[in-house]
Amino acid sequence: MSGIEQQAPAGEFALVITERAAEEVQKFITQEDVPNTSAGLRVSVLPGGCSGFKYSLNIEERPLEDDMVAEVNGVRVFVDGFSAQYLSGVTIDYVSSMQGSGFTFSNPNATGGCGCGTSFTA
């Protein structure tokens, strides 16, 4: 893994965002037309993908009323209750290679996955 990692506080959701991923998220937040004081990264798990579930990342203006909110490596993170159960121990990183660049997810609780890297079985 690259750079420094920081985990969300215990009791909320145990999500890790590497320093490199946090830098990239901050770039996206700056590029979007959203209020910097309330905007954040929504991390969610949705039914679908080739293995049953897929990860989703979105920049949003503010959390929803029932979201769990934490600051991880300088990034305000929004997670809904359904997604939180699947994000325990997940590490979000950002990688660049000759094949391309993008966010990656490492989930120690996944029982299976596929080649796309964004779909998993739990």
Protein backbone atom coordinates (compact mmCIF):
# COMPACT_ATOMS: atom_id res chain seq x y z
CA MET A 1 0.00 0.00 0.00
CA SER A 2 1.17 3.51 -0.65
CA GLY A 3 1.56 6.37 1.76
CA ILE A 4 0.00 6.86 5.13
CA GLU A 5 -3.31 5.20 5.91
CA GLN A 6 -5.96 6.48 8.24
CA GLN A 7 -8.97 4.53 9.41
CA ALA A 8 -12.41 5.87 10.28
CA PRO A 9 -13.12 5.91 14.03
CA ALA A 10 -14.30 2.65 15.58
CA GLY A 11 -18.04 2.42 16.17
CA GLU A 12 -18.85 4.15 12.90
CA PHE A 13 -17.39 2.17 10.02
CA ALA A 14 -13.91 0.70 9.75
CA LEU A 15 -12.88 2.13 6.37
CA VAL A 16 -9.29 2.92 5.39
CA ILE A 17 -8.36 5.56 2.81
CA THR A 18 -4.71 5.79 1.82
CA GLU A 19 -3.00 9.15 1.59
CA ARG A 20 -2.78 8.85 -2.20
CA ALA A 21 -6.52 8.14 -2.50
CA ALA A 22 -7.33 11.03 -0.16
CA GLU A 23 -5.30 13.40 -2.35
CA GLU A 24 -7.23 12.31 -5.44
CA VAL A 25 -10.59 12.68 -3.70
CA GLN A 26 -9.62 16.22 -2.62
CA LYS A 27 -8.84 17.03 -6.27
CA PHE A 28 -12.30 15.83 -7.33
CA ILE A 29 -13.99 17.83 -4.57
CA THR A 30 -12.11 20.95 -5.68
CA GLN A 31 -13.17 20.39 -9.32
CA GLU A 32 -16.85 19.91 -8.44
CA ASP A 33 -19.10 22.88 -7.77
CA VAL A 34 -19.91 21.80 -4.18
CA PRO A 35 -19.62 23.64 -0.84
CA ASN A 36 -16.24 22.74 0.64
CA THR A 37 -17.59 23.03 4.20
CA SER A 38 -20.18 20.24 3.79
CA ALA A 39 -19.11 18.21 0.73
CA GLY A 40 -17.66 14.75 1.00
CA LEU A 41 -17.13 11.34 -0.53
CA ARG A 42 -20.03 8.90 -0.52
CA VAL A 43 -18.74 5.34 -0.32
CA SER A 44 -21.45 2.79 -0.92
CA VAL A 45 -22.02 -0.84 -1.72
CA LEU A 46 -24.75 -1.57 -4.24
CA PRO A 47 -26.32 -4.83 -5.38
CA GLY A 48 -25.02 -5.73 -8.83
CA GLY A 49 -21.72 -6.14 -10.59
CA CYS A 50 -20.45 -9.46 -11.86
CA SER A 51 -19.98 -10.93 -8.35
CA GLY A 52 -23.09 -9.75 -6.49
CA PHE A 53 -22.07 -6.38 -5.03
CA LYS A 54 -20.20 -3.39 -6.39
CA TYR A 55 -18.53 -0.37 -4.83
CA SER A 56 -19.59 3.15 -5.66
CA LEU A 57 -17.78 6.45 -5.03
CA ASN A 58 -19.49 9.82 -5.51
CA ILE A 59 -18.77 13.39 -4.49
CA GLU A 60 -21.84 14.84 -2.77
CA GLU A 61 -22.72 18.26 -1.40
CA ARG A 62 -23.77 17.02 2.04
CA PRO A 63 -24.62 13.82 3.93
CA LEU A 64 -28.14 12.45 4.04
CA GLU A 65 -29.96 12.55 7.37
CA ASP A 66 -29.30 8.88 8.24
CA ASP A 67 -25.69 8.70 6.97
CA MET A 68 -22.72 7.88 9.15
CA VAL A 69 -20.08 10.58 8.69
CA ALA A 70 -16.38 10.40 9.50
CA GLU A 71 -13.24 12.24 8.54
CA VAL A 72 -10.62 9.85 7.13
CA ASN A 73 -7.23 11.23 6.02
CA GLY A 74 -8.74 14.69 5.62
CA VAL A 75 -11.71 13.43 3.58
CA ARG A 76 -15.28 13.73 4.88
CA VAL A 77 -16.83 10.32 4.19
CA PHE A 78 -20.57 9.53 4.01
CA VAL A 79 -21.75 5.93 4.42
CA ASP A 80 -25.31 4.60 4.63
CA GLY A 81 -26.25 1.85 7.08
CA PHE A 82 -26.59 -0.86 4.42
CA SER A 83 -23.13 -0.16 2.99
CA ALA A 84 -21.39 0.12 6.38
CA GLN A 85 -21.78 -3.60 7.07
CA TYR A 86 -19.80 -4.44 3.91
CA LEU A 87 -17.09 -1.79 4.32
CA SER A 88 -15.52 -3.01 7.57
CA GLY A 89 -11.79 -3.31 6.93
CA VAL A 90 -11.96 -2.13 3.30
CA THR A 91 -8.97 -0.12 2.09
CA ILE A 92 -9.46 2.39 -0.70
CA ASP A 93 -6.30 3.26 -2.61
CA TYR A 94 -5.48 5.11 -5.83
CA VAL A 95 -3.05 3.51 -8.26
CA SER A 96 -1.42 4.70 -11.46
CA SER A 97 0.15 2.34 -13.95
CA MET A 98 0.73 2.01 -17.66
CA GLN A 99 -2.64 0.24 -17.89
CA GLY A 100 -4.41 3.26 -16.38
CA SER A 101 -5.20 4.82 -13.06
CA GLY A 102 -8.08 4.70 -10.64
CA PHE A 103 -9.38 3.80 -7.22
CA THR A 104 -8.91 0.25 -5.94
CA PHE A 105 -10.69 -1.58 -3.14
CA SER A 106 -9.14 -4.21 -0.90
CA ASN A 107 -11.81 -6.07 1.10
CA PRO A 108 -10.57 -8.73 3.55
CA ASN A 109 -14.15 -9.91 4.11
CA ALA A 110 -14.97 -10.64 0.47
CA THR A 111 -15.40 -14.32 -0.28
CA GLY A 112 -14.96 -13.82 -4.00
CA GLY A 113 -14.48 -11.23 -6.66
CA CYS A 114 -13.87 -10.71 -10.32
CA GLY A 115 -11.28 -9.19 -12.64
CA CYS A 116 -12.83 -5.72 -12.66
CA GLY A 117 -11.76 -5.09 -9.05
CA THR A 118 -14.99 -3.25 -8.14
CA SER A 119 -17.30 -6.25 -7.72
CA PHE A 120 -17.24 -8.74 -4.87
CA THR A 121 -19.10 -11.55 -3.12
CA ALA A 122 -19.74 -11.42 0.62
